[in-house]
């Protein structure tokens, strides 16, 4: 199964899945993490333009999110936190621009 990258401009929701079926989902604020066999296999971001613009130095518009050409998820576990990043590449003004959207979670909350 191929990975899926989709943006719904009407609802302002960015959806990414690695191409694996999730067993369950966990909602954390505007983020929904799709999990299978202990791994994050997908992420949905509500209010995507606002959340991504807040974390980057760029103002990200709906038109930008419609031009995502690649994405991946990275998960790192620190001593007390779990860092989840959605890394994506979009086309803007003929250039490829890479952006990162991060979500930091308290490790105790994740393991509960």
C-alpha atoms as a PDB file:
ATOM      1  CA  UNK A   1       0.000   0.000   0.000  1.00  0.00           C
ATOM      2  CA  UNK A   2       1.388   3.418  -0.965  1.00  0.00           C
ATOM      3  CA  UNK A   3       1.585   6.354   1.404  1.00  0.00           C
ATOM      4  CA  UNK A   4      -1.252   8.867   1.268  1.00  0.00           C
ATOM      5  CA  UNK A   5      -0.848  12.642   1.482  1.00  0.00           C
ATOM      6  CA  UNK A   6      -4.063  14.610   1.232  1.00  0.00           C
ATOM      7  CA  UNK A   7      -5.188  18.113   2.139  1.00  0.00           C
ATOM      8  CA  UNK A   8      -8.867  19.078   2.481  1.00  0.00           C
ATOM      9  CA  UNK A   9      -8.994  22.851   1.982  1.00  0.00           C
ATOM     10  CA  UNK A  10     -12.688  23.068   2.890  1.00  0.00           C
ATOM     11  CA  UNK A  11     -12.057  21.552   6.341  1.00  0.00           C
ATOM     12  CA  UNK A  12      -8.384  22.696   6.606  1.00  0.00           C
ATOM     13  CA  UNK A  13      -7.255  19.159   7.462  1.00  0.00           C
ATOM     14  CA  UNK A  14      -3.935  17.639   6.406  1.00  0.00           C
ATOM     15  CA  UNK A  15      -3.888  13.832   6.316  1.00  0.00           C
ATOM     16  CA  UNK A  16      -0.837  11.614   6.030  1.00  0.00           C
ATOM     17  CA  UNK A  17      -0.575   7.833   6.212  1.00  0.00           C
ATOM     18  CA  UNK A  18       2.484   5.671   5.549  1.00  0.00           C
ATOM     19  CA  UNK A  19       0.323   3.165   3.716  1.00  0.00           C
ATOM     20  CA  UNK A  20      -0.299   0.952   6.717  1.00  0.00           C
ATOM     21  CA  UNK A  21      -3.677   0.325   8.329  1.00  0.00           C
ATOM     22  CA  UNK A  22      -3.947   1.727  11.842  1.00  0.00           C
ATOM     23  CA  UNK A  23      -5.181  -0.309  14.800  1.00  0.00           C
ATOM     24  CA  UNK A  24      -6.307   2.751  16.782  1.00  0.00           C
ATOM     25  CA  UNK A  25      -6.103   6.543  16.870  1.00  0.00           C
ATOM     26  CA  UNK A  26      -5.156   8.964  19.633  1.00  0.00           C
ATOM     27  CA  UNK A  27      -6.337  12.578  19.545  1.00  0.00           C
ATOM     28  CA  UNK A  28      -4.107  15.238  21.076  1.00  0.00           C
ATOM     29  CA  UNK A  29      -5.658  18.670  20.576  1.00  0.00           C
ATOM     30  CA  UNK A  30      -5.750  19.369  16.830  1.00  0.00           C
ATOM     31  CA  UNK A  31      -3.728  16.239  16.050  1.00  0.00           C
ATOM     32  CA  UNK A  32      -4.875  12.661  15.524  1.00  0.00           C
ATOM     33  CA  UNK A  33      -2.150  10.031  15.574  1.00  0.00           C
ATOM     34  CA  UNK A  34      -2.846   6.725  13.845  1.00  0.00           C
ATOM     35  CA  UNK A  35      -1.030   3.830  15.507  1.00  0.00           C
ATOM     36  CA  UNK A  36      -0.333   0.209  14.505  1.00  0.00           C
ATOM     37  CA  UNK A  37       1.851  -2.278  16.368  1.00  0.00           C
ATOM     38  CA  UNK A  38       3.378   0.445  18.571  1.00  0.00           C
ATOM     39  CA  UNK A  39       4.335   2.698  15.636  1.00  0.00           C
ATOM     40  CA  UNK A  40       2.826   5.958  14.459  1.00  0.00           C
ATOM     41  CA  UNK A  41       1.699   5.213  10.889  1.00  0.00           C
ATOM     42  CA  UNK A  42      -0.330   8.335  10.185  1.00  0.00           C
ATOM     43  CA  UNK A  43      -1.309  11.782  11.337  1.00  0.00           C
ATOM     44  CA  UNK A  44      -4.224  14.114  10.772  1.00  0.00           C
ATOM     45  CA  UNK A  45      -3.784  17.812  11.475  1.00  0.00           C
ATOM     46  CA  UNK A  46      -6.906  19.894  11.994  1.00  0.00           C
ATOM     47  CA  UNK A  47      -6.614  23.662  11.453  1.00  0.00           C
ATOM     48  CA  UNK A  48      -3.555  22.744   9.415  1.00  0.00           C
ATOM     49  CA  UNK A  49      -2.695  26.178   8.024  1.00  0.00           C
ATOM     50  CA  UNK A  50      -2.806  27.739  11.500  1.00  0.00           C
ATOM     51  CA  UNK A  51      -0.874  24.940  13.215  1.00  0.00           C
ATOM     52  CA  UNK A  52       1.837  24.723  10.566  1.00  0.00           C
ATOM     53  CA  UNK A  53       2.208  28.507  10.204  1.00  0.00           C
ATOM     54  CA  UNK A  54       2.546  28.789  13.995  1.00  0.00           C
ATOM     55  CA  UNK A  55       5.512  26.393  14.024  1.00  0.00           C
ATOM     56  CA  UNK A  56       7.321  27.640  10.938  1.00  0.00           C
ATOM     57  CA  UNK A  57       8.738  30.973   9.922  1.00  0.00           C
ATOM     58  CA  UNK A  58       6.520  30.911   6.815  1.00  0.00           C
ATOM     59  CA  UNK A  59       2.862  31.760   6.487  1.00  0.00           C
ATOM     60  CA  UNK A  60       1.476  28.520   5.067  1.00  0.00           C
ATOM     61  CA  UNK A  61      -1.639  28.905   2.932  1.00  0.00           C
ATOM     62  CA  UNK A  62      -4.153  26.301   1.833  1.00  0.00           C
ATOM     63  CA  UNK A  63      -2.728  26.565  -1.690  1.00  0.00           C
ATOM     64  CA  UNK A  64       0.684  25.538  -0.325  1.00  0.00           C
ATOM     65  CA  UNK A  65      -0.699  22.459   1.421  1.00  0.00           C
ATOM     66  CA  UNK A  66      -2.390  21.386  -1.803  1.00  0.00           C
ATOM     67  CA  UNK A  67       1.102  21.183  -3.344  1.00  0.00           C
ATOM     68  CA  UNK A  68       2.704  18.718  -0.913  1.00  0.00           C
ATOM     69  CA  UNK A  69       4.767  16.274  -2.935  1.00  0.00           C
ATOM     70  CA  UNK A  70       6.255  14.077  -0.207  1.00  0.00           C
ATOM     71  CA  UNK A  71       6.010  13.472   3.547  1.00  0.00           C
ATOM     72  CA  UNK A  72       7.225  11.196   6.328  1.00  0.00           C
ATOM     73  CA  UNK A  73       6.824  10.760  10.067  1.00  0.00           C
ATOM     74  CA  UNK A  74       9.703  10.692  12.517  1.00  0.00           C
ATOM     75  CA  UNK A  75       9.317   9.582  16.146  1.00  0.00           C
ATOM     76  CA  UNK A  76      12.016  10.129  18.770  1.00  0.00           C
ATOM     77  CA  UNK A  77      11.803   9.259  22.423  1.00  0.00           C
ATOM     78  CA  UNK A  78      13.673  11.364  24.967  1.00  0.00           C
ATOM     79  CA  UNK A  79      14.011  10.865  28.709  1.00  0.00           C
ATOM     80  CA  UNK A  80      10.637  12.431  29.550  1.00  0.00           C
ATOM     81  CA  UNK A  81       9.119  13.246  26.175  1.00  0.00           C
ATOM     82  CA  UNK A  82       8.134  11.719  22.874  1.00  0.00           C
ATOM     83  CA  UNK A  83       8.785  13.906  19.821  1.00  0.00           C
ATOM     84  CA  UNK A  84       6.676  13.254  16.742  1.00  0.00           C
ATOM     85  CA  UNK A  85       7.417  15.143  13.536  1.00  0.00           C
ATOM     86  CA  UNK A  86       5.544  15.268  10.258  1.00  0.00           C
ATOM     87  CA  UNK A  87       8.164  16.275   7.706  1.00  0.00           C
ATOM     88  CA  UNK A  88       6.802  17.328   4.353  1.00  0.00           C
ATOM     89  CA  UNK A  89       7.984  18.856   1.104  1.00  0.00           C
ATOM     90  CA  UNK A  90       5.842  21.249  -0.898  1.00  0.00           C
ATOM     91  CA  UNK A  91       6.189  23.198  -4.130  1.00  0.00           C
ATOM     92  CA  UNK A  92       6.207  26.998  -3.915  1.00  0.00           C
ATOM     93  CA  UNK A  93       7.317  29.408  -6.651  1.00  0.00           C
ATOM     94  CA  UNK A  94       8.939  26.551  -8.561  1.00  0.00           C
ATOM     95  CA  UNK A  95      11.034  25.482  -5.553  1.00  0.00           C
ATOM     96  CA  UNK A  96      10.771  22.519  -3.231  1.00  0.00           C
ATOM     97  CA  UNK A  97      10.463  23.642   0.398  1.00  0.00           C
ATOM     98  CA  UNK A  98      10.753  21.254   3.329  1.00  0.00           C
ATOM     99  CA  UNK A  99       8.766  21.976   6.498  1.00  0.00           C
ATOM    100  CA  UNK A 100       8.483  20.178   9.822  1.00  0.00           C
ATOM    101  CA  UNK A 101       5.472  20.056  12.121  1.00  0.00           C
ATOM    102  CA  UNK A 102       6.334  18.737  15.584  1.00  0.00           C
ATOM    103  CA  UNK A 103       4.285  17.432  18.459  1.00  0.00           C
ATOM    104  CA  UNK A 104       5.956  16.985  21.852  1.00  0.00           C
ATOM    105  CA  UNK A 105       4.177  14.674  24.286  1.00  0.00           C
ATOM    106  CA  UNK A 106       4.835  13.861  27.924  1.00  0.00           C
ATOM    107  CA  UNK A 107       6.205  10.306  27.943  1.00  0.00           C
ATOM    108  CA  UNK A 108       4.100   9.259  30.956  1.00  0.00           C
ATOM    109  CA  UNK A 109       0.929  10.326  29.166  1.00  0.00           C
ATOM    110  CA  UNK A 110       1.881   8.320  26.074  1.00  0.00           C
ATOM    111  CA  UNK A 111       2.667   5.169  28.054  1.00  0.00           C
ATOM    112  CA  UNK A 112      -0.520   5.371  30.159  1.00  0.00           C
END
